[in-house]
């Protein structure tokens, strides 16, 4: 059985190249009570700060949700604090920044109090809130759903175009989707039997369509499924390459972390999902734009572990994955139609990877299975020189274009010898080689805050021999 129909694809441009290493400094942000099933929730506020919440064990029979903030420069601000504590069990949570800047934390759980009528004992959806600085967390009264399976988690959450909250979570052989909070009706969107996992819900910034995605290992339909739930419920569509068929049976590699599913910044259209392809081991990382006929093969990998996608600035996307050699990230152009060079981030393979890059650089959080580690990844600049060489006796004027996956980078600084230039609005700068210059290579150093620096060379050729 196959779900849905796909429309014609517009392929993303890609050149698969060896990943370049970036000097990184991993910093542990949590290392006590972390298990291999725990994963963080990330949310970026308007001032550029990154908010992180995660589940961890807090002694015998107790679980808590911890909160930490990183400043706009990626530095830890203050110490981790307990956002929700003293519960018998908690799901992996969802974290959102509301329109007024306050923080919304959605989670499932069982408090484990002796009162049988305690509304926090029924395994439902619950909510805690905090001001924009995360300084004080408050548990909001009562259950936020009539369903009692939210404690399984993880919780997916997104604000719809009208500001209404949408949430999702697995419920044994069902995937529950809910609009709003409280006692309203819930919707079951998985139609294939046991079982759905790792659900997430996102909103298309251009048309307001709300999409839920999940992994299914149900006999009738394996793989990663995406389904619209607003403005109307649509049919589910399987991500190409997320399952295989053999002997008339579907099979797929399980999804080990919450589905990497995202919209785009700046009102840009499209919903994208990143995932591992191949069975029984991951052999490629795919990036698929919902409703296109084929995904893009981002990278061929050896024993890939996991993959994710995150928002970048001005409609860009960050794609992240982990394989046996470590973690890797790359960023697209503004149109999300071209992929930049992959950047290898350290040599330790991660069990789970999550990121947030809407502020420019990528804040990457990886799980080792017993700790959460953070690093910041900067996209590389690219540069082109036309012409690449001039003759020493004649000199000449050259144009230097500075780009980010094909998009012009205005304001970049170019240093050639003792001269400094600034790229204009179109990302270009001009340099004049005087007649009689010394033959050789001139190094052009290019940098801009928020990027990896780069270098290129301008060749000054010896004069041509005079004709006899």
Protein backbone atom coordinates (compact mmCIF):
# COMPACT_ATOMS: atom_id res chain seq x y z
CA UNK A 1 0.00 0.00 0.00
CA UNK A 2 1.28 3.43 -0.87
CA UNK A 3 0.04 6.74 0.39
CA UNK A 4 -0.59 9.91 -1.56
CA UNK A 5 0.44 11.26 -4.93
CA UNK A 6 3.51 13.41 -5.58
CA UNK A 7 3.80 16.37 -7.89
CA UNK A 8 6.69 17.14 -10.24
CA UNK A 9 9.95 17.94 -8.51
CA UNK A 10 12.36 20.83 -8.99
CA UNK A 11 15.71 19.34 -8.04
CA UNK A 12 18.02 21.13 -5.65
CA UNK A 13 21.49 21.69 -7.03
CA UNK A 14 24.14 19.59 -5.35
CA UNK A 15 27.78 18.78 -5.71
CA UNK A 16 28.72 15.95 -3.36
CA UNK A 17 32.20 16.73 -2.10
CA UNK A 18 34.37 15.67 0.79
CA UNK A 19 33.40 17.47 3.99
CA UNK A 20 35.83 20.14 5.14
CA UNK A 21 36.69 20.17 8.83
CA UNK A 22 35.94 23.21 10.95
CA UNK A 23 37.80 23.91 14.18
CA UNK A 24 35.14 23.50 16.87
CA UNK A 25 34.88 23.58 20.61
CA UNK A 26 32.26 21.27 22.04
CA UNK A 27 30.88 22.32 25.40
CA UNK A 28 28.90 20.00 27.65
CA UNK A 29 25.58 21.52 28.68
CA UNK A 30 24.12 18.50 30.48
CA UNK A 31 25.82 15.34 31.70
CA UNK A 32 23.91 14.04 34.71
CA UNK A 33 20.88 11.81 34.38
CA UNK A 34 20.88 11.90 30.57
CA UNK A 35 19.87 8.70 28.73
CA UNK A 36 20.09 7.72 25.09
CA UNK A 37 16.31 8.27 24.68
CA UNK A 38 16.46 11.88 25.87
CA UNK A 39 16.68 14.77 23.43
CA UNK A 40 16.53 18.56 23.78
CA UNK A 41 13.95 21.04 22.52
CA UNK A 42 15.33 24.28 21.02
CA UNK A 43 13.69 27.66 20.40
CA UNK A 44 15.18 30.99 19.24
CA UNK A 45 13.79 34.26 20.62
CA UNK A 46 13.70 37.59 18.83
CA UNK A 47 16.83 38.91 20.55
CA UNK A 48 18.86 35.99 19.18
CA UNK A 49 19.03 34.00 22.42
CA UNK A 50 18.64 30.23 22.18
CA UNK A 51 16.48 28.48 24.75
CA UNK A 52 17.05 24.77 25.47
CA UNK A 53 14.92 22.37 27.53
CA UNK A 54 15.65 18.70 28.08
CA UNK A 55 14.49 15.73 30.13
CA UNK A 56 16.79 14.11 32.67
CA UNK A 57 16.62 11.70 35.60
CA UNK A 58 16.70 13.33 39.03
CA UNK A 59 17.11 10.45 41.44
CA UNK A 60 15.11 7.34 42.19
CA UNK A 61 11.77 7.42 40.41
CA UNK A 62 11.94 11.14 39.61
CA UNK A 63 12.31 13.00 36.32
CA UNK A 64 12.62 16.70 35.56
CA UNK A 65 12.79 19.15 32.67
CA UNK A 66 15.84 21.39 32.79
CA UNK A 67 16.22 24.79 31.11
CA UNK A 68 19.30 26.66 29.86
CA UNK A 69 19.79 29.80 27.76
CA UNK A 70 22.56 30.64 25.30
CA UNK A 71 23.17 34.29 24.48
CA UNK A 72 23.13 35.54 20.84
CA UNK A 73 26.85 34.77 20.62
CA UNK A 74 26.31 31.12 21.60
CA UNK A 75 27.65 31.46 25.15
CA UNK A 76 25.91 29.87 28.13
CA UNK A 77 24.05 32.46 30.18
CA UNK A 78 23.70 31.52 33.84
CA UNK A 79 23.20 27.98 35.10
CA UNK A 80 20.70 25.31 34.14
CA UNK A 81 17.53 25.44 36.23
CA UNK A 82 14.60 23.14 36.84
CA UNK A 83 11.60 24.13 34.72
CA UNK A 84 9.41 21.19 35.76
CA UNK A 85 10.55 18.90 38.57
CA UNK A 86 9.56 16.00 40.78
CA UNK A 87 7.50 14.00 38.26
CA UNK A 88 7.40 10.22 38.06
CA UNK A 89 7.73 10.33 34.26
CA UNK A 90 7.97 12.99 31.58
CA UNK A 91 8.07 12.93 27.79
CA UNK A 92 10.61 14.68 25.61
CA UNK A 93 9.11 18.19 25.42
CA UNK A 94 8.35 20.87 22.84
CA UNK A 95 9.47 24.47 23.32
CA UNK A 96 8.11 27.53 21.51
CA UNK A 97 8.53 31.30 21.68
CA UNK A 98 5.14 33.03 21.73
CA UNK A 99 4.33 36.25 19.87
CA UNK A 100 4.96 38.32 23.01
CA UNK A 101 8.39 36.70 23.52
CA UNK A 102 7.34 34.46 26.41
CA UNK A 103 8.27 30.77 26.44
CA UNK A 104 5.79 27.91 26.03
CA UNK A 105 6.83 24.44 27.24
CA UNK A 106 4.57 21.52 26.25
CA UNK A 107 5.10 18.04 27.68
CA UNK A 108 3.36 14.82 28.64
CA UNK A 109 3.82 13.08 31.94
CA UNK A 110 2.65 11.43 35.12
CA UNK A 111 3.27 13.33 38.34
CA UNK A 112 2.87 10.28 40.55
CA UNK A 113 1.14 11.98 43.48
CA UNK A 114 -0.96 9.81 45.88
CA UNK A 115 -4.17 11.64 44.92
CA UNK A 116 -6.02 9.49 42.36
CA UNK A 117 -7.94 12.57 41.20
CA UNK A 118 -4.84 14.68 40.64
CA UNK A 119 -5.14 16.00 37.03
CA UNK A 120 -1.35 15.70 36.65
CA UNK A 121 -1.50 11.93 37.12
CA UNK A 122 -3.36 10.96 33.96
CA UNK A 123 -0.53 10.98 31.39
CA UNK A 124 -2.00 13.91 29.47
CA UNK A 125 -0.53 17.02 27.84
CA UNK A 126 0.67 19.72 30.24
CA UNK A 127 2.04 23.23 29.93
CA UNK A 128 4.56 25.45 31.70
CA UNK A 129 5.38 29.05 30.82
CA UNK A 130 8.18 31.51 31.48
CA UNK A 131 8.97 35.14 30.64
CA UNK A 132 11.30 35.85 27.72
CA UNK A 133 14.43 35.56 29.87
CA UNK A 134 13.41 32.12 31.19
CA UNK A 135 13.94 33.32 34.75
CA UNK A 136 10.81 31.82 36.28
CA UNK A 137 8.86 28.76 35.15
CA UNK A 138 5.25 28.21 36.17
CA UNK A 139 3.23 25.03 35.71
CA UNK A 140 -0.18 25.97 34.28
CA UNK A 141 -3.33 24.52 35.88
CA UNK A 142 -4.64 21.13 34.85
CA UNK A 143 -4.44 18.87 31.82
CA UNK A 144 -4.28 20.52 28.40
CA UNK A 145 -5.91 17.60 26.56
CA UNK A 146 -8.46 14.87 27.10
CA UNK A 147 -6.06 12.29 25.64
CA UNK A 148 -3.99 10.30 28.14
CA UNK A 149 -1.10 9.12 25.99
CA UNK A 150 0.96 12.31 25.73
CA UNK A 151 3.37 10.91 28.32
CA UNK A 152 4.73 8.60 25.57
CA UNK A 153 6.05 11.58 23.62
CA UNK A 154 7.85 13.26 22.10
CA UNK A 155 5.59 16.30 21.84
CA UNK A 156 5.56 18.18 18.53
CA UNK A 157 4.30 21.77 18.54
CA UNK A 158 3.86 24.76 16.25
CA UNK A 159 1.86 27.96 16.12
CA UNK A 160 -0.61 28.09 13.24
CA UNK A 161 -1.10 31.17 11.05
CA UNK A 162 -3.81 32.47 13.42
CA UNK A 163 -1.55 32.08 16.46
CA UNK A 164 -3.39 28.97 17.60
CA UNK A 165 -1.22 26.21 19.02
CA UNK A 166 -1.00 22.83 17.28
CA UNK A 167 0.47 19.80 19.08
CA UNK A 168 1.02 16.11 18.28
CA UNK A 169 2.17 12.94 20.05
CA UNK A 170 2.04 9.17 19.56
CA UNK A 171 -0.62 7.10 21.32
CA UNK A 172 0.28 3.40 20.81
CA UNK A 173 -1.15 2.69 17.33
CA UNK A 174 -2.36 6.26 16.82
CA UNK A 175 -0.82 9.65 16.22
CA UNK A 176 -2.78 12.37 17.99
CA UNK A 177 -3.02 15.93 16.67
CA UNK A 178 -4.70 18.68 18.66
CA UNK A 179 -5.54 22.29 17.85
CA UNK A 180 -5.47 24.55 20.87
CA UNK A 181 -5.28 23.56 24.52
CA UNK A 182 -7.88 22.25 26.95
CA UNK A 183 -10.85 19.98 26.42
CA UNK A 184 -11.26 20.36 22.66
CA UNK A 185 -11.42 17.37 20.32
CA UNK A 186 -8.30 15.51 19.25
CA UNK A 187 -7.64 14.05 15.82
CA UNK A 188 -6.07 10.69 14.89
CA UNK A 189 -4.04 10.97 11.67
CA UNK A 190 -2.18 7.64 11.35
CA UNK A 191 -4.38 5.21 9.38
CA UNK A 192 -2.09 2.19 9.07
CA UNK A 193 -2.14 0.33 12.40
CA UNK A 194 0.81 -0.11 14.72
CA UNK A 195 2.85 2.02 15.06
CA UNK A 196 3.68 5.74 14.60
CA UNK A 197 6.69 7.37 16.28
CA UNK A 198 8.70 10.60 16.59
CA UNK A 199 5.97 13.01 15.45
CA UNK A 200 6.49 16.70 14.70
CA UNK A 201 4.16 19.47 13.51
CA UNK A 202 5.21 22.59 11.55
CA UNK A 203 3.63 25.50 9.70
CA UNK A 204 4.36 26.71 6.17
CA UNK A 205 5.27 30.38 6.62
CA UNK A 206 3.95 31.32 3.16
CA UNK A 207 0.49 29.74 3.01
CA UNK A 208 -0.21 28.88 6.66
CA UNK A 209 -0.66 25.17 5.96
CA UNK A 210 -0.04 23.04 9.06
CA UNK A 211 1.74 19.73 8.39
CA UNK A 212 2.31 16.82 10.77
CA UNK A 213 5.08 14.29 10.12
CA UNK A 214 6.06 10.99 11.75
CA UNK A 215 7.84 7.68 11.26
CA UNK A 216 5.73 4.56 10.68
CA UNK A 217 6.70 0.90 10.94
CA UNK A 218 3.14 -0.28 10.26
CA UNK A 219 2.94 -3.27 7.92
CA UNK A 220 0.80 -1.47 5.31
CA UNK A 221 3.05 1.62 5.23
CA UNK A 222 6.61 1.96 6.45
CA UNK A 223 8.67 5.11 6.28
CA UNK A 224 8.30 8.81 6.97
CA UNK A 225 4.81 10.20 6.43
CA UNK A 226 3.69 13.82 6.08
CA UNK A 227 0.06 14.89 6.25
CA UNK A 228 -1.67 18.28 6.20
CA UNK A 229 -4.05 18.95 9.08
CA UNK A 230 -4.97 22.60 8.40
CA UNK A 231 -6.69 24.41 6.85
CA UNK A 232 -8.13 20.96 6.04
CA UNK A 233 -7.13 17.36 6.65
CA UNK A 234 -5.40 15.93 3.58
CA UNK A 235 -3.94 12.58 2.63
CA UNK A 236 -0.65 11.27 3.98
CA UNK A 237 2.36 11.14 1.65
CA UNK A 238 5.43 8.94 2.17
CA UNK A 239 8.85 10.56 1.83
CA UNK A 240 10.65 8.94 -1.14
CA UNK A 241 13.47 6.66 -0.08
CA UNK A 242 12.34 6.41 3.54
CA UNK A 243 11.36 2.76 3.02
CA UNK A 244 12.23 -0.16 0.75
CA UNK A 245 10.15 -2.97 -0.69
CA UNK A 246 11.41 -6.53 -0.76
CA UNK A 247 9.42 -9.67 -1.47
CA UNK A 248 6.19 -7.72 -1.42
CA UNK A 249 6.92 -6.34 2.06
CA UNK A 250 7.84 -2.85 3.21
CA UNK A 251 10.84 -2.35 5.47
CA UNK A 252 12.56 0.73 6.88
CA UNK A 253 15.27 1.79 9.26
CA UNK A 254 13.78 3.11 12.50
CA UNK A 255 13.82 6.83 13.25
CA UNK A 256 15.89 7.27 16.43
CA UNK A 257 15.06 10.88 17.18
CA UNK A 258 12.17 13.27 16.67
CA UNK A 259 11.53 13.82 12.98
CA UNK A 260 13.68 16.54 11.40
CA UNK A 261 10.86 18.63 9.91
CA UNK A 262 10.78 22.40 9.43
CA UNK A 263 9.34 25.37 7.61
CA UNK A 264 11.44 28.39 6.61
CA UNK A 265 12.12 31.88 7.92
CA UNK A 266 11.17 35.21 6.40
CA UNK A 267 7.80 34.06 5.10
CA UNK A 268 9.51 31.74 2.58
CA UNK A 269 7.39 28.82 1.32
CA UNK A 270 7.92 25.12 1.80
CA UNK A 271 8.08 22.32 4.35
CA UNK A 272 11.28 20.23 4.38
CA UNK A 273 12.27 16.98 6.07
CA UNK A 274 15.76 15.46 6.39
CA UNK A 275 16.21 11.75 6.96
CA UNK A 276 18.47 8.74 6.58
CA UNK A 277 17.84 6.49 3.63
CA UNK A 278 18.84 2.86 3.24
CA UNK A 279 18.02 -0.43 4.90
CA UNK A 280 19.15 -2.00 7.21
CA UNK A 281 21.84 0.71 7.58
CA UNK A 282 21.74 4.37 6.59
CA UNK A 283 23.70 4.89 3.37
CA UNK A 284 22.53 8.39 2.37
CA UNK A 285 21.09 11.57 3.84
CA UNK A 286 18.04 12.91 1.99
CA UNK A 287 16.39 16.32 2.02
CA UNK A 288 12.82 16.31 0.72
CA UNK A 289 10.53 19.25 0.07
CA UNK A 290 6.98 18.18 0.82
CA UNK A 291 4.98 17.29 -2.32
CA UNK A 292 7.97 17.13 -4.67
CA UNK A 293 8.51 13.89 -6.56
CA UNK A 294 12.06 13.16 -5.41
CA UNK A 295 14.35 14.09 -2.54
CA UNK A 296 17.85 15.47 -2.89
CA UNK A 297 20.72 13.18 -1.93
CA UNK A 298 22.61 15.50 0.41
CA UNK A 299 25.43 13.05 1.13
CA UNK A 300 26.47 9.45 0.75
CA UNK A 301 27.43 8.18 4.21
CA UNK A 302 29.06 5.21 5.91
CA UNK A 303 26.79 3.85 8.62
CA UNK A 304 24.82 7.03 9.07
CA UNK A 305 23.13 7.43 12.44
CA UNK A 306 20.67 10.28 12.21
CA UNK A 307 19.73 13.41 10.25
CA UNK A 308 17.89 16.66 10.92
CA UNK A 309 17.06 19.99 9.30
CA UNK A 310 16.82 23.44 10.88
CA UNK A 311 15.87 26.94 9.85
CA UNK A 312 18.53 29.33 8.60
CA UNK A 313 18.24 33.09 8.01
CA UNK A 314 16.32 34.56 5.05
CA UNK A 315 14.76 31.27 4.00
CA UNK A 316 17.95 29.20 4.16
CA UNK A 317 18.07 25.73 5.70
CA UNK A 318 20.71 23.91 7.71
CA UNK A 319 21.01 20.14 7.12
CA UNK A 320 22.73 18.15 9.87
CA UNK A 321 23.70 14.50 10.10
CA UNK A 322 25.89 12.08 12.00
CA UNK A 323 27.83 9.11 10.63
CA UNK A 324 30.61 6.85 11.86
CA UNK A 325 33.17 9.67 11.36
CA UNK A 326 31.33 12.37 13.32
CA UNK A 327 28.79 15.12 12.77
CA UNK A 328 28.40 17.16 9.56
CA UNK A 329 26.37 20.26 8.66
CA UNK A 330 25.76 22.36 5.56
CA UNK A 331 23.61 25.36 4.66
CA UNK A 332 21.52 26.13 1.59
CA UNK A 333 21.08 29.35 -0.32
CA UNK A 334 18.15 31.70 0.40
CA UNK A 335 15.89 29.95 -2.10
CA UNK A 336 16.73 26.52 -0.61
CA UNK A 337 17.61 25.33 -4.12
CA UNK A 338 21.37 24.91 -3.74
CA UNK A 339 23.45 23.17 -1.08
CA UNK A 340 26.66 24.62 0.26
CA UNK A 341 29.82 22.67 1.07
CA UNK A 342 29.51 20.18 3.96
CA UNK A 343 31.35 21.09 7.16
CA UNK A 344 32.62 18.27 9.35
CA UNK A 345 32.13 19.14 13.01
CA UNK A 346 34.42 17.03 15.16
CA UNK A 347 35.21 13.33 14.98
CA UNK A 348 32.77 11.82 17.49
CA UNK A 349 29.58 10.26 16.11
CA UNK A 350 26.40 11.51 17.77
CA UNK A 351 23.30 9.48 18.56
CA UNK A 352 21.03 12.49 18.01
CA UNK A 353 21.60 15.92 16.46
CA UNK A 354 19.42 19.01 16.70
CA UNK A 355 20.11 22.55 15.61
CA UNK A 356 18.79 26.09 15.34
CA UNK A 357 20.33 28.42 12.78
CA UNK A 358 17.80 31.15 12.03
CA UNK A 359 20.16 33.76 13.49
CA UNK A 360 22.91 32.89 10.97
CA UNK A 361 25.41 30.42 12.45
CA UNK A 362 24.11 27.01 13.50
CA UNK A 363 23.83 26.23 17.19
CA UNK A 364 24.24 22.45 17.13
CA UNK A 365 23.32 20.25 20.10
CA UNK A 366 24.38 16.60 19.95
CA UNK A 367 23.64 13.67 22.24
CA UNK A 368 26.38 11.19 23.07
CA UNK A 369 23.86 8.97 24.84
CA UNK A 370 24.86 10.18 28.31
CA UNK A 371 25.42 13.92 27.77
CA UNK A 372 24.35 16.87 25.61
CA UNK A 373 27.08 18.86 23.89
CA UNK A 374 26.86 22.22 22.13
CA UNK A 375 28.95 23.87 19.45
CA UNK A 376 28.49 26.68 16.96
CA UNK A 377 28.98 26.10 13.22
CA UNK A 378 29.73 28.99 10.86
CA UNK A 379 28.93 28.84 7.14
CA UNK A 380 31.88 29.31 4.78
CA UNK A 381 32.31 32.21 2.40
CA UNK A 382 33.07 31.56 -1.27
CA UNK A 383 34.99 33.90 -3.57
CA UNK A 384 35.58 34.21 -7.29
CA UNK A 385 38.03 36.45 -9.15
CA UNK A 386 37.61 37.63 -12.75
CA UNK A 387 40.06 37.58 -14.41
CA UNK A 388 42.06 35.05 -12.35
CA UNK A 389 45.37 36.44 -13.59
CA UNK A 390 46.86 39.66 -14.98
CA UNK A 391 50.19 40.37 -16.69
CA UNK A 392 52.74 42.11 -14.49
CA UNK A 393 53.85 44.69 -17.07
CA UNK A 394 50.29 45.72 -17.99
CA UNK A 395 48.50 45.41 -14.64
CA UNK A 396 44.72 45.46 -14.69
CA UNK A 397 41.49 45.66 -12.77
CA UNK A 398 39.91 42.50 -11.31
CA UNK A 399 36.48 41.87 -9.86
CA UNK A 400 36.15 39.80 -6.69
CA UNK A 401 32.71 38.32 -5.94
CA UNK A 402 31.95 37.13 -2.41
CA UNK A 403 29.03 34.71 -2.12
CA UNK A 404 27.21 32.40 0.28
CA UNK A 405 26.05 29.38 -1.77
CA UNK A 406 25.58 31.72 -4.73
CA UNK A 407 23.95 34.59 -2.81
CA UNK A 408 25.96 37.86 -2.75
CA UNK A 409 27.50 38.75 0.62
CA UNK A 410 27.51 42.51 1.09
CA UNK A 411 29.88 44.11 3.59
CA UNK A 412 32.55 41.40 3.55
CA UNK A 413 36.08 42.65 4.18
CA UNK A 414 38.79 41.75 1.65
CA UNK A 415 42.45 42.20 2.54
CA UNK A 416 45.05 42.15 -0.25
CA UNK A 417 48.53 42.98 0.99
CA UNK A 418 48.17 46.21 2.96
CA UNK A 419 44.94 47.23 1.20
CA UNK A 420 41.48 46.61 2.62
CA UNK A 421 38.32 46.55 0.52
CA UNK A 422 34.62 46.17 1.35
CA UNK A 423 32.19 44.18 -0.79
CA UNK A 424 29.30 46.28 -2.08
CA UNK A 425 25.57 45.45 -2.06
CA UNK A 426 26.10 42.96 -4.90
CA UNK A 427 28.88 41.20 -2.97
CA UNK A 428 31.64 42.48 -5.25
CA UNK A 429 34.78 44.57 -4.86
CA UNK A 430 37.36 45.75 -7.38
CA UNK A 431 41.14 45.67 -7.09
CA UNK A 432 43.63 47.30 -9.43
CA UNK A 433 47.05 45.79 -10.11
CA UNK A 434 49.41 48.60 -11.16
CA UNK A 435 51.55 48.19 -14.29
CA UNK A 436 54.99 46.89 -13.44
CA UNK A 437 53.82 44.83 -10.47
CA UNK A 438 56.04 42.03 -9.20
CA UNK A 439 55.07 38.64 -10.64
CA UNK A 440 53.71 36.07 -8.19
CA UNK A 441 50.59 35.22 -6.24
CA UNK A 442 48.61 37.71 -4.17
CA UNK A 443 46.60 36.22 -1.30
CA UNK A 444 43.10 37.63 -0.88
CA UNK A 445 41.77 37.15 2.67
CA UNK A 446 37.98 37.49 3.03
CA UNK A 447 35.99 37.65 6.24
CA UNK A 448 32.71 38.76 7.72
CA UNK A 449 31.22 38.26 11.19
CA UNK A 450 29.04 35.16 11.29
CA UNK A 451 31.06 33.32 8.62
CA UNK A 452 34.16 31.19 8.31
CA UNK A 453 36.90 33.23 6.70
CA UNK A 454 38.29 32.17 3.35
CA UNK A 455 41.24 32.88 1.08
CA UNK A 456 41.81 32.93 -2.64
CA UNK A 457 44.70 33.99 -4.87
CA UNK A 458 45.25 36.43 -7.69
CA UNK A 459 48.02 35.47 -10.09
CA UNK A 460 50.35 38.11 -11.51
CA UNK A 461 52.09 36.56 -14.50
CA UNK A 462 55.53 37.52 -15.78
CA UNK A 463 55.53 39.69 -18.90
CA UNK A 464 55.29 37.81 -22.16
CA UNK A 465 58.58 37.63 -24.11
CA UNK A 466 58.84 40.30 -26.76
CA UNK A 467 58.07 39.07 -30.27
CA UNK A 468 61.13 38.81 -32.59
